[in-house]
All heavy atoms as atom14 arrays in JSON, in Angstrom:
{
  "sequence": "KFWGMGYDMGDDSSNESKMKRWQAQMEGSFLFRL",
  "atom14_mask": [
    [1, 1, 1, 1, 1, 1, 1, 1, 1, 0, 0, 0, 0, 0],
    [1, 1, 1, 1, 1, 1, 1, 1, 1, 1, 1, 0, 0, 0],
    [1, 1, 1, 1, 1, 1, 1, 1, 1, 1, 1, 1, 1, 1],
    [1, 1, 1, 1, 0, 0, 0, 0, 0, 0, 0, 0, 0, 0],
    [1, 1, 1, 1, 1, 1, 1, 1, 0, 0, 0, 0, 0, 0],
    [1, 1, 1, 1, 0, 0, 0, 0, 0, 0, 0, 0, 0, 0],
    [1, 1, 1, 1, 1, 1, 1, 1, 1, 1, 1, 1, 0, 0],
    [1, 1, 1, 1, 1, 1, 1, 1, 0, 0, 0, 0, 0, 0],
    [1, 1, 1, 1, 1, 1, 1, 1, 0, 0, 0, 0, 0, 0],
    [1, 1, 1, 1, 0, 0, 0, 0, 0, 0, 0, 0, 0, 0],
    [1, 1, 1, 1, 1, 1, 1, 1, 0, 0, 0, 0, 0, 0],
    [1, 1, 1, 1, 1, 1, 1, 1, 0, 0, 0, 0, 0, 0],
    [1, 1, 1, 1, 1, 1, 0, 0, 0, 0, 0, 0, 0, 0],
    [1, 1, 1, 1, 1, 1, 0, 0, 0, 0, 0, 0, 0, 0],
    [1, 1, 1, 1, 1, 1, 1, 1, 0, 0, 0, 0, 0, 0],
    [1, 1, 1, 1, 1, 1, 1, 1, 1, 0, 0, 0, 0, 0],
    [1, 1, 1, 1, 1, 1, 0, 0, 0, 0, 0, 0, 0, 0],
    [1, 1, 1, 1, 1, 1, 1, 1, 1, 0, 0, 0, 0, 0],
    [1, 1, 1, 1, 1, 1, 1, 1, 0, 0, 0, 0, 0, 0],
    [1, 1, 1, 1, 1, 1, 1, 1, 1, 0, 0, 0, 0, 0],
    [1, 1, 1, 1, 1, 1, 1, 1, 1, 1, 1, 0, 0, 0],
    [1, 1, 1, 1, 1, 1, 1, 1, 1, 1, 1, 1, 1, 1],
    [1, 1, 1, 1, 1, 1, 1, 1, 1, 0, 0, 0, 0, 0],
    [1, 1, 1, 1, 1, 0, 0, 0, 0, 0, 0, 0, 0, 0],
    [1, 1, 1, 1, 1, 1, 1, 1, 1, 0, 0, 0, 0, 0],
    [1, 1, 1, 1, 1, 1, 1, 1, 0, 0, 0, 0, 0, 0],
    [1, 1, 1, 1, 1, 1, 1, 1, 1, 0, 0, 0, 0, 0],
    [1, 1, 1, 1, 0, 0, 0, 0, 0, 0, 0, 0, 0, 0],
    [1, 1, 1, 1, 1, 1, 0, 0, 0, 0, 0, 0, 0, 0],
    [1, 1, 1, 1, 1, 1, 1, 1, 1, 1, 1, 0, 0, 0],
    [1, 1, 1, 1, 1, 1, 1, 1, 0, 0, 0, 0, 0, 0],
    [1, 1, 1, 1, 1, 1, 1, 1, 1, 1, 1, 0, 0, 0],
    [1, 1, 1, 1, 1, 1, 1, 1, 1, 1, 1, 0, 0, 0],
    [1, 1, 1, 1, 1, 1, 1, 1, 0, 0, 0, 0, 0, 0]
  ],
  "atom14_positions": [
    [[-26.28, 24.22, 11.5], [-26.82, 24.25, 12.84], [-25.92, 25.27, 13.71], [-24.8, 25.37, 13.55], [-26.83, 22.86, 13.49], [-27.62, 21.9, 12.62], [-27.64, 20.47, 13.15], [-28.5, 19.43, 12.34], [-28.37, 18.03, 12.89], [0.0, 0.0, 0.0], [0.0, 0.0, 0.0], [0.0, 0.0, 0.0], [0.0, 0.0, 0.0], [0.0, 0.0, 0.0]],
    [[-26.69, 25.72, 14.79], [-26.11, 26.75, 15.72], [-26.59, 26.51, 17.07], [-27.9, 26.42, 17.22], [-26.39, 28.22, 15.13], [-25.59, 29.17, 15.86], [-24.31, 29.39, 15.75], [-26.38, 30.03, 16.77], [-23.64, 30.29, 16.43], [-25.58, 31.07, 17.35], [-24.29, 31.22, 17.38], [0.0, 0.0, 0.0], [0.0, 0.0, 0.0], [0.0, 0.0, 0.0]],
    [[-25.68, 26.47, 17.96], [-25.95, 26.23, 19.32], [-25.8, 27.5, 20.28], [-26.04, 27.33, 21.46], [-25.23, 24.98, 19.92], [-25.64, 23.68, 19.5], [-26.39, 22.76, 20.22], [-25.38, 22.96, 18.32], [-26.62, 21.64, 19.45], [-25.89, 21.78, 18.23], [-24.48, 23.38, 17.16], [-25.79, 20.88, 17.13], [-24.51, 22.57, 16.06], [-25.07, 21.26, 16.18]],
    [[-25.17, 28.38, 19.74], [-24.76, 29.56, 20.66], [-23.38, 29.63, 20.95], [-22.55, 28.72, 20.48], [0.0, 0.0, 0.0], [0.0, 0.0, 0.0], [0.0, 0.0, 0.0], [0.0, 0.0, 0.0], [0.0, 0.0, 0.0], [0.0, 0.0, 0.0], [0.0, 0.0, 0.0], [0.0, 0.0, 0.0], [0.0, 0.0, 0.0], [0.0, 0.0, 0.0]],
    [[-22.99, 30.43, 21.83], [-21.54, 30.44, 22.34], [-21.29, 29.93, 23.73], [-22.15, 29.95, 24.57], [-21.11, 32.0, 22.4], [-20.68, 32.55, 21.03], [-21.95, 32.91, 19.84], [-22.75, 34.33, 20.6], [0.0, 0.0, 0.0], [0.0, 0.0, 0.0], [0.0, 0.0, 0.0], [0.0, 0.0, 0.0], [0.0, 0.0, 0.0], [0.0, 0.0, 0.0]],
    [[-20.1, 29.24, 23.8], [-19.74, 28.67, 25.1], [-19.99, 27.08, 25.12], [-20.67, 26.59, 24.38], [0.0, 0.0, 0.0], [0.0, 0.0, 0.0], [0.0, 0.0, 0.0], [0.0, 0.0, 0.0], [0.0, 0.0, 0.0], [0.0, 0.0, 0.0], [0.0, 0.0, 0.0], [0.0, 0.0, 0.0], [0.0, 0.0, 0.0], [0.0, 0.0, 0.0]],
    [[-19.08, 26.51, 25.99], [-19.16, 25.03, 26.09], [-20.46, 24.4, 26.42], [-21.13, 23.56, 26.02], [-18.04, 24.56, 26.96], [-18.11, 23.07, 27.32], [-17.42, 22.25, 26.49], [-19.0, 22.56, 28.32], [-17.43, 20.8, 26.76], [-18.93, 21.24, 28.54], [-18.24, 20.31, 27.71], [-18.36, 18.93, 27.98], [0.0, 0.0, 0.0], [0.0, 0.0, 0.0]],
    [[-21.06, 25.15, 27.54], [-22.32, 24.78, 27.97], [-23.44, 24.9, 27.02], [-24.27, 23.92, 27.02], [-22.65, 25.51, 29.32], [-21.77, 25.21, 30.44], [-21.23, 24.06, 30.58], [-21.41, 26.06, 31.22], [0.0, 0.0, 0.0], [0.0, 0.0, 0.0], [0.0, 0.0, 0.0], [0.0, 0.0, 0.0], [0.0, 0.0, 0.0], [0.0, 0.0, 0.0]],
    [[-23.41, 25.83, 26.17], [-24.49, 26.07, 25.19], [-24.3, 24.86, 24.06], [-25.45, 24.32, 23.72], [-24.35, 27.37, 24.51], [-24.54, 28.6, 25.43], [-26.36, 28.6, 26.13], [-27.12, 29.09, 24.56], [0.0, 0.0, 0.0], [0.0, 0.0, 0.0], [0.0, 0.0, 0.0], [0.0, 0.0, 0.0], [0.0, 0.0, 0.0], [0.0, 0.0, 0.0]],
    [[-23.15, 24.65, 23.79], [-22.91, 23.55, 22.78], [-23.19, 22.15, 23.19], [-23.61, 21.31, 22.48], [0.0, 0.0, 0.0], [0.0, 0.0, 0.0], [0.0, 0.0, 0.0], [0.0, 0.0, 0.0], [0.0, 0.0, 0.0], [0.0, 0.0, 0.0], [0.0, 0.0, 0.0], [0.0, 0.0, 0.0], [0.0, 0.0, 0.0], [0.0, 0.0, 0.0]],
    [[-22.99, 21.97, 24.61], [-23.27, 20.58, 25.28], [-24.74, 20.43, 25.42], [-25.2, 19.21, 25.8], [-22.56, 20.62, 26.51], [-22.06, 19.2, 26.89], [-21.59, 18.43, 26.0], [-22.22, 18.79, 28.03], [0.0, 0.0, 0.0], [0.0, 0.0, 0.0], [0.0, 0.0, 0.0], [0.0, 0.0, 0.0], [0.0, 0.0, 0.0], [0.0, 0.0, 0.0]],
    [[-25.47, 21.41, 25.3], [-26.98, 21.24, 25.6], [-27.73, 21.08, 24.13], [-27.85, 21.95, 23.52], [-27.59, 22.42, 26.23], [-28.94, 22.16, 26.68], [-29.66, 21.27, 26.38], [-29.55, 23.1, 27.43], [0.0, 0.0, 0.0], [0.0, 0.0, 0.0], [0.0, 0.0, 0.0], [0.0, 0.0, 0.0], [0.0, 0.0, 0.0], [0.0, 0.0, 0.0]],
    [[-28.21, 19.89, 23.96], [-28.8, 19.62, 22.62], [-29.97, 20.32, 22.4], [-30.43, 20.55, 21.16], [-29.2, 18.08, 22.5], [-27.99, 17.22, 22.6], [0.0, 0.0, 0.0], [0.0, 0.0, 0.0], [0.0, 0.0, 0.0], [0.0, 0.0, 0.0], [0.0, 0.0, 0.0], [0.0, 0.0, 0.0], [0.0, 0.0, 0.0], [0.0, 0.0, 0.0]],
    [[-30.67, 20.87, 23.42], [-31.95, 21.53, 23.19], [-31.66, 23.03, 22.53], [-32.67, 23.7, 22.22], [-32.63, 21.77, 24.47], [-31.91, 22.5, 25.44], [0.0, 0.0, 0.0], [0.0, 0.0, 0.0], [0.0, 0.0, 0.0], [0.0, 0.0, 0.0], [0.0, 0.0, 0.0], [0.0, 0.0, 0.0], [0.0, 0.0, 0.0], [0.0, 0.0, 0.0]],
    [[-30.45, 23.48, 22.56], [-30.07, 24.64, 22.09], [-29.93, 24.67, 20.53], [-29.65, 25.68, 19.73], [-28.76, 25.35, 22.6], [-29.05, 25.71, 24.01], [-30.01, 26.12, 24.35], [-28.1, 25.47, 24.84], [0.0, 0.0, 0.0], [0.0, 0.0, 0.0], [0.0, 0.0, 0.0], [0.0, 0.0, 0.0], [0.0, 0.0, 0.0], [0.0, 0.0, 0.0]],
    [[-30.0, 23.44, 19.88], [-29.76, 23.21, 18.44], [-30.73, 24.05, 17.63], [-32.04, 23.96, 17.9], [-29.82, 21.76, 18.11], [-29.64, 21.46, 16.63], [-29.64, 19.98, 16.3], [-29.16, 19.08, 17.09], [-30.34, 19.77, 15.25], [0.0, 0.0, 0.0], [0.0, 0.0, 0.0], [0.0, 0.0, 0.0], [0.0, 0.0, 0.0], [0.0, 0.0, 0.0]],
    [[-30.31, 24.9, 16.8], [-31.13, 25.6, 15.89], [-30.55, 25.69, 14.44], [-29.5, 25.27, 14.28], [-31.27, 27.08, 16.47], [-29.97, 27.77, 16.44], [0.0, 0.0, 0.0], [0.0, 0.0, 0.0], [0.0, 0.0, 0.0], [0.0, 0.0, 0.0], [0.0, 0.0, 0.0], [0.0, 0.0, 0.0], [0.0, 0.0, 0.0], [0.0, 0.0, 0.0]],
    [[-31.18, 26.16, 13.55], [-30.78, 26.12, 12.17], [-30.62, 27.6, 11.67], [-31.23, 28.56, 12.21], [-31.79, 25.49, 11.31], [-32.02, 24.04, 11.55], [-33.13, 23.54, 10.63], [-33.28, 21.97, 10.85], [-34.28, 21.38, 10.0], [0.0, 0.0, 0.0], [0.0, 0.0, 0.0], [0.0, 0.0, 0.0], [0.0, 0.0, 0.0], [0.0, 0.0, 0.0]],
    [[-29.74, 27.76, 10.71], [-29.34, 28.96, 10.14], [-28.59, 28.7, 8.72], [-28.16, 27.58, 8.59], [-28.47, 29.82, 10.89], [-27.07, 29.34, 11.1], [-25.92, 30.35, 12.16], [-25.93, 31.88, 11.35], [0.0, 0.0, 0.0], [0.0, 0.0, 0.0], [0.0, 0.0, 0.0], [0.0, 0.0, 0.0], [0.0, 0.0, 0.0], [0.0, 0.0, 0.0]],
    [[-28.75, 29.66, 7.83], [-27.97, 29.59, 6.61], [-26.72, 30.56, 6.69], [-26.92, 31.6, 6.9], [-28.79, 29.89, 5.5], [-28.22, 29.74, 4.14], [-29.2, 29.82, 2.9], [-28.45, 29.52, 1.54], [-29.53, 29.65, 0.42], [0.0, 0.0, 0.0], [0.0, 0.0, 0.0], [0.0, 0.0, 0.0], [0.0, 0.0, 0.0], [0.0, 0.0, 0.0]],
    [[-25.59, 29.94, 6.49], [-24.33, 30.76, 6.62], [-23.64, 30.82, 5.27], [-23.43, 29.8, 4.59], [-23.38, 30.0, 7.67], [-22.03, 30.7, 7.81], [-21.29, 30.12, 9.0], [-20.09, 30.5, 8.99], [-19.07, 30.48, 10.1], [-19.55, 30.1, 11.25], [-17.97, 30.95, 10.15], [0.0, 0.0, 0.0], [0.0, 0.0, 0.0], [0.0, 0.0, 0.0]],
    [[-23.28, 32.06, 4.89], [-22.45, 32.22, 3.73], [-21.17, 32.86, 4.26], [-21.18, 34.0, 4.9], [-23.17, 33.15, 2.74], [-22.5, 33.2, 1.31], [-22.7, 32.41, 0.21], [-21.45, 34.18, 1.0], [-21.93, 32.81, -0.8], [-21.11, 33.86, -0.36], [-20.74, 35.12, 1.68], [-20.18, 34.53, -0.98], [-19.71, 35.92, 0.95], [-19.46, 35.5, -0.28]],
    [[-20.07, 32.41, 3.78], [-18.66, 32.89, 4.19], [-17.79, 32.86, 3.01], [-17.65, 32.03, 2.31], [-18.19, 32.22, 5.4], [-16.73, 32.71, 5.8], [-16.44, 32.01, 7.18], [-17.16, 31.32, 7.84], [-15.15, 32.41, 7.56], [0.0, 0.0, 0.0], [0.0, 0.0, 0.0], [0.0, 0.0, 0.0], [0.0, 0.0, 0.0], [0.0, 0.0, 0.0]],
    [[-16.95, 34.07, 2.97], [-15.76, 34.09, 2.07], [-14.58, 34.41, 2.99], [-14.64, 35.25, 3.8], [-15.95, 35.2, 1.09], [0.0, 0.0, 0.0], [0.0, 0.0, 0.0], [0.0, 0.0, 0.0], [0.0, 0.0, 0.0], [0.0, 0.0, 0.0], [0.0, 0.0, 0.0], [0.0, 0.0, 0.0], [0.0, 0.0, 0.0], [0.0, 0.0, 0.0]],
    [[-13.48, 33.72, 2.81], [-12.33, 33.9, 3.48], [-11.03, 33.88, 2.67], [-11.02, 33.14, 1.75], [-12.13, 32.81, 4.62], [-10.98, 32.9, 5.55], [-10.85, 31.8, 6.45], [-10.53, 30.66, 6.15], [-11.22, 32.13, 7.71], [0.0, 0.0, 0.0], [0.0, 0.0, 0.0], [0.0, 0.0, 0.0], [0.0, 0.0, 0.0], [0.0, 0.0, 0.0]],
    [[-10.15, 34.74, 2.97], [-8.82, 34.78, 2.25], [-7.79, 34.92, 3.39], [-7.89, 35.75, 4.23], [-8.76, 35.92, 1.38], [-7.47, 36.07, 0.54], [-6.13, 36.78, 1.39], [-6.69, 38.53, 1.44], [0.0, 0.0, 0.0], [0.0, 0.0, 0.0], [0.0, 0.0, 0.0], [0.0, 0.0, 0.0], [0.0, 0.0, 0.0], [0.0, 0.0, 0.0]],
    [[-6.74, 34.22, 3.25], [-5.6, 34.23, 4.17], [-4.33, 33.95, 3.38], [-4.22, 33.03, 2.66], [-5.62, 33.36, 5.31], [-4.58, 33.54, 6.42], [-4.7, 32.65, 7.59], [-5.62, 33.03, 8.39], [-3.95, 31.86, 7.83], [0.0, 0.0, 0.0], [0.0, 0.0, 0.0], [0.0, 0.0, 0.0], [0.0, 0.0, 0.0], [0.0, 0.0, 0.0]],
    [[-3.31, 34.88, 3.61], [-2.04, 34.71, 2.84], [-0.9, 35.22, 3.69], [-1.05, 36.1, 4.55], [0.0, 0.0, 0.0], [0.0, 0.0, 0.0], [0.0, 0.0, 0.0], [0.0, 0.0, 0.0], [0.0, 0.0, 0.0], [0.0, 0.0, 0.0], [0.0, 0.0, 0.0], [0.0, 0.0, 0.0], [0.0, 0.0, 0.0], [0.0, 0.0, 0.0]],
    [[0.3, 34.67, 3.54], [1.48, 35.16, 4.13], [2.7, 35.01, 3.12], [2.68, 34.21, 2.25], [1.7, 34.18, 5.41], [1.89, 32.93, 5.09], [0.0, 0.0, 0.0], [0.0, 0.0, 0.0], [0.0, 0.0, 0.0], [0.0, 0.0, 0.0], [0.0, 0.0, 0.0], [0.0, 0.0, 0.0], [0.0, 0.0, 0.0], [0.0, 0.0, 0.0]],
    [[3.67, 35.99, 3.38], [4.87, 35.98, 2.65], [6.06, 35.89, 3.52], [6.21, 36.92, 4.27], [5.02, 37.16, 1.61], [6.04, 37.11, 0.62], [5.89, 36.5, -0.6], [7.36, 37.67, 0.93], [6.86, 36.27, -1.62], [8.34, 37.52, 0.07], [8.17, 36.87, -1.12], [0.0, 0.0, 0.0], [0.0, 0.0, 0.0], [0.0, 0.0, 0.0]],
    [[6.72, 34.84, 3.54], [7.78, 34.56, 4.46], [9.17, 34.68, 4.04], [9.4, 34.21, 2.9], [7.63, 33.19, 5.28], [6.19, 33.08, 5.77], [6.13, 31.55, 6.37], [5.68, 34.11, 6.8], [0.0, 0.0, 0.0], [0.0, 0.0, 0.0], [0.0, 0.0, 0.0], [0.0, 0.0, 0.0], [0.0, 0.0, 0.0], [0.0, 0.0, 0.0]],
    [[10.15, 35.22, 4.77], [11.51, 35.36, 4.42], [12.29, 34.33, 5.27], [12.14, 34.06, 6.39], [12.08, 36.75, 4.77], [11.36, 37.78, 4.07], [10.17, 38.3, 4.36], [11.84, 38.33, 2.71], [9.44, 39.29, 3.73], [11.14, 39.36, 2.01], [9.93, 39.87, 2.47], [0.0, 0.0, 0.0], [0.0, 0.0, 0.0], [0.0, 0.0, 0.0]],
    [[13.27, 33.64, 4.62], [14.12, 32.64, 5.4], [15.1, 33.44, 5.98], [16.11, 33.98, 5.37], [14.71, 31.54, 4.31], [15.29, 30.34, 5.11], [15.78, 29.36, 4.17], [16.9, 29.85, 3.32], [17.61, 29.23, 2.4], [17.14, 28.01, 2.12], [18.48, 29.81, 1.74], [0.0, 0.0, 0.0], [0.0, 0.0, 0.0], [0.0, 0.0, 0.0]],
    [[15.33, 33.29, 7.4], [16.4, 33.86, 8.11], [17.47, 32.95, 8.31], [18.66, 33.25, 8.59], [15.87, 34.47, 9.41], [14.69, 35.5, 9.28], [14.34, 36.13, 10.64], [15.24, 36.6, 8.33], [0.0, 0.0, 0.0], [0.0, 0.0, 0.0], [0.0, 0.0, 0.0], [0.0, 0.0, 0.0], [0.0, 0.0, 0.0], [0.0, 0.0, 0.0]]
  ]
}
């Protein structure tokens, strides 16, 4: 479901709509101890 951007848009139930979302995500870090 998708309501749009912003607090007011999400707080208004009449903005509820449907969509199909596909997402791929990658995140990595390599840290050195100081």
